[in-house]
Amino acid sequence: MPQEFHVIRCFACLVFQVHQVKKKPKWQCKMCGEKQSVRKVYGKGAGKDCRLLVQSLNMTAGQITDEDANCQLSSSDPLVEEKEMSQVFMEA
């Protein structure tokens, strides 16, 4: 009988992980070390299938985080702010 694994997500660092199914619904995050309960299972199955799912979920989450950071950087770009300020002073 093959082992069953769950895809779960840490509440603290928000990283998806694969953990072996146990009798107790408690687990410890491999990234930040937080102990927690299984709240939501994002996937079940064999180890290989769960690892592939975790890779794609973490990659997607990373891309979204990068896009958010790029949007924030472009809106607070010092060169853009300096040009806008100089235009305001020239108009006055």
C-alpha atoms as a PDB file:
ATOM      1  CA  MET A   1       0.000   0.000   0.000  1.00  0.00           C
ATOM      2  CA  PRO A   2       1.596   3.317  -1.072  1.00  0.00           C
ATOM      3  CA  GLN A   3       2.120   6.239   1.273  1.00  0.00           C
ATOM      4  CA  GLU A   4      -0.379   9.085   1.096  1.00  0.00           C
ATOM      5  CA  PHE A   5       0.762  12.710   1.188  1.00  0.00           C
ATOM      6  CA  HIS A   6      -1.020  16.041   1.652  1.00  0.00           C
ATOM      7  CA  VAL A   7      -0.253  19.418   0.121  1.00  0.00           C
ATOM      8  CA  ILE A   8      -0.638  22.000   2.892  1.00  0.00           C
ATOM      9  CA  ARG A   9       0.254  25.676   3.391  1.00  0.00           C
ATOM     10  CA  CYS A  10       1.954  27.353   6.343  1.00  0.00           C
ATOM     11  CA  PHE A  11      -0.016  30.191   7.942  1.00  0.00           C
ATOM     12  CA  ALA A  12       3.141  32.132   8.856  1.00  0.00           C
ATOM     13  CA  CYS A  13       5.382  32.008   5.763  1.00  0.00           C
ATOM     14  CA  LEU A  14       2.619  31.092   3.256  1.00  0.00           C
ATOM     15  CA  VAL A  15       4.726  28.381   1.596  1.00  0.00           C
ATOM     16  CA  PHE A  16       3.062  25.249   0.215  1.00  0.00           C
ATOM     17  CA  GLN A  17       4.590  21.973   1.422  1.00  0.00           C
ATOM     18  CA  VAL A  18       4.177  18.210   1.125  1.00  0.00           C
ATOM     19  CA  HIS A  19       3.719  16.213   4.320  1.00  0.00           C
ATOM     20  CA  GLN A  20       3.037  12.557   4.912  1.00  0.00           C
ATOM     21  CA  VAL A  21      -0.453  11.818   6.263  1.00  0.00           C
ATOM     22  CA  LYS A  22      -0.336  10.965   9.972  1.00  0.00           C
ATOM     23  CA  LYS A  23      -2.917  10.067  12.602  1.00  0.00           C
ATOM     24  CA  LYS A  24      -2.466  13.386  14.390  1.00  0.00           C
ATOM     25  CA  PRO A  25      -3.424  16.471  12.350  1.00  0.00           C
ATOM     26  CA  LYS A  26      -0.393  18.420  13.637  1.00  0.00           C
ATOM     27  CA  TRP A  27       2.658  19.383  11.601  1.00  0.00           C
ATOM     28  CA  GLN A  28       5.698  21.651  11.701  1.00  0.00           C
ATOM     29  CA  CYS A  29       6.660  23.970   8.851  1.00  0.00           C
ATOM     30  CA  LYS A  30       9.951  23.019   7.216  1.00  0.00           C
ATOM     31  CA  MET A  31      10.718  26.643   6.303  1.00  0.00           C
ATOM     32  CA  CYS A  32       9.941  28.641   9.464  1.00  0.00           C
ATOM     33  CA  GLY A  33       9.516  25.905  12.089  1.00  0.00           C
ATOM     34  CA  GLU A  34       5.999  26.926  13.205  1.00  0.00           C
ATOM     35  CA  LYS A  35       3.931  24.138  14.722  1.00  0.00           C
ATOM     36  CA  GLN A  36       0.345  24.105  13.479  1.00  0.00           C
ATOM     37  CA  SER A  37      -2.730  22.042  12.687  1.00  0.00           C
ATOM     38  CA  VAL A  38      -3.865  20.921   9.275  1.00  0.00           C
ATOM     39  CA  ARG A  39      -6.619  23.377   8.355  1.00  0.00           C
ATOM     40  CA  LYS A  40      -6.930  22.917   4.601  1.00  0.00           C
ATOM     41  CA  VAL A  41      -5.562  20.231   2.315  1.00  0.00           C
ATOM     42  CA  TYR A  42      -4.785  21.602  -1.152  1.00  0.00           C
ATOM     43  CA  GLY A  43      -4.048  18.200  -2.645  1.00  0.00           C
ATOM     44  CA  LYS A  44      -3.700  14.481  -1.850  1.00  0.00           C
ATOM     45  CA  GLY A  45      -1.914  11.638  -3.496  1.00  0.00           C
ATOM     46  CA  ALA A  46       1.447  10.041  -4.112  1.00  0.00           C
ATOM     47  CA  GLY A  47       4.617  11.885  -3.198  1.00  0.00           C
ATOM     48  CA  LYS A  48       5.665  12.709  -6.765  1.00  0.00           C
ATOM     49  CA  ASP A  49       2.265  14.154  -7.694  1.00  0.00           C
ATOM     50  CA  CYS A  50       2.152  16.282  -4.547  1.00  0.00           C
ATOM     51  CA  ARG A  51       5.694  17.587  -5.091  1.00  0.00           C
ATOM     52  CA  LEU A  52       4.839  18.695  -8.633  1.00  0.00           C
ATOM     53  CA  LEU A  53       1.710  20.459  -7.356  1.00  0.00           C
ATOM     54  CA  VAL A  54       3.695  22.203  -4.596  1.00  0.00           C
ATOM     55  CA  GLN A  55       6.282  23.403  -7.121  1.00  0.00           C
ATOM     56  CA  SER A  56       3.643  24.907  -9.373  1.00  0.00           C
ATOM     57  CA  LEU A  57       1.722  26.515  -6.473  1.00  0.00           C
ATOM     58  CA  ASN A  58       4.870  28.070  -4.975  1.00  0.00           C
ATOM     59  CA  MET A  59       6.019  29.256  -8.414  1.00  0.00           C
ATOM     60  CA  THR A  60       2.660  30.933  -9.053  1.00  0.00           C
ATOM     61  CA  ALA A  61       2.662  32.551  -5.607  1.00  0.00           C
ATOM     62  CA  GLY A  62       6.213  33.817  -6.196  1.00  0.00           C
ATOM     63  CA  GLN A  63       5.275  35.333  -9.551  1.00  0.00           C
ATOM     64  CA  ILE A  64       2.314  37.139  -8.007  1.00  0.00           C
ATOM     65  CA  THR A  65       4.538  38.482  -5.229  1.00  0.00           C
ATOM     66  CA  ASP A  66       7.118  39.671  -7.782  1.00  0.00           C
ATOM     67  CA  GLU A  67       4.446  41.430  -9.840  1.00  0.00           C
ATOM     68  CA  ASP A  68       3.123  43.193  -6.728  1.00  0.00           C
ATOM     69  CA  ALA A  69       6.639  44.300  -5.795  1.00  0.00           C
ATOM     70  CA  ASN A  70       7.271  45.601  -9.324  1.00  0.00           C
ATOM     71  CA  CYS A  71       4.023  47.597  -9.254  1.00  0.00           C
ATOM     72  CA  GLN A  72       4.962  49.151  -5.919  1.00  0.00           C
ATOM     73  CA  LEU A  73       8.486  49.971  -7.123  1.00  0.00           C
ATOM     74  CA  SER A  74       7.261  51.623 -10.295  1.00  0.00           C
ATOM     75  CA  SER A  75       4.795  53.800  -8.385  1.00  0.00           C
ATOM     76  CA  SER A  76       7.450  54.902  -5.884  1.00  0.00           C
ATOM     77  CA  ASP A  77      10.332  55.314  -8.333  1.00  0.00           C
ATOM     78  CA  PRO A  78      12.445  58.285  -7.140  1.00  0.00           C
ATOM     79  CA  LEU A  79      13.246  59.428 -10.685  1.00  0.00           C
ATOM     80  CA  VAL A  80       9.576  59.566 -11.602  1.00  0.00           C
ATOM     81  CA  GLU A  81       8.757  61.443  -8.393  1.00  0.00           C
ATOM     82  CA  GLU A  82      11.598  63.913  -9.040  1.00  0.00           C
ATOM     83  CA  LYS A  83      10.338  64.622 -12.582  1.00  0.00           C
ATOM     84  CA  GLU A  84       6.795  65.112 -11.301  1.00  0.00           C
ATOM     85  CA  MET A  85       7.998  67.501  -8.602  1.00  0.00           C
ATOM     86  CA  SER A  86      10.058  69.526 -11.107  1.00  0.00           C
ATOM     87  CA  GLN A  87       7.016  69.840 -13.382  1.00  0.00           C
ATOM     88  CA  VAL A  88       4.920  71.119 -10.463  1.00  0.00           C
ATOM     89  CA  PHE A  89       7.555  73.757  -9.598  1.00  0.00           C
ATOM     90  CA  MET A  90       7.893  74.864 -13.250  1.00  0.00           C
ATOM     91  CA  GLU A  91       4.140  75.345 -13.593  1.00  0.00           C
ATOM     92  CA  ALA A  92       3.968  77.549 -10.494  1.00  0.00           C
END
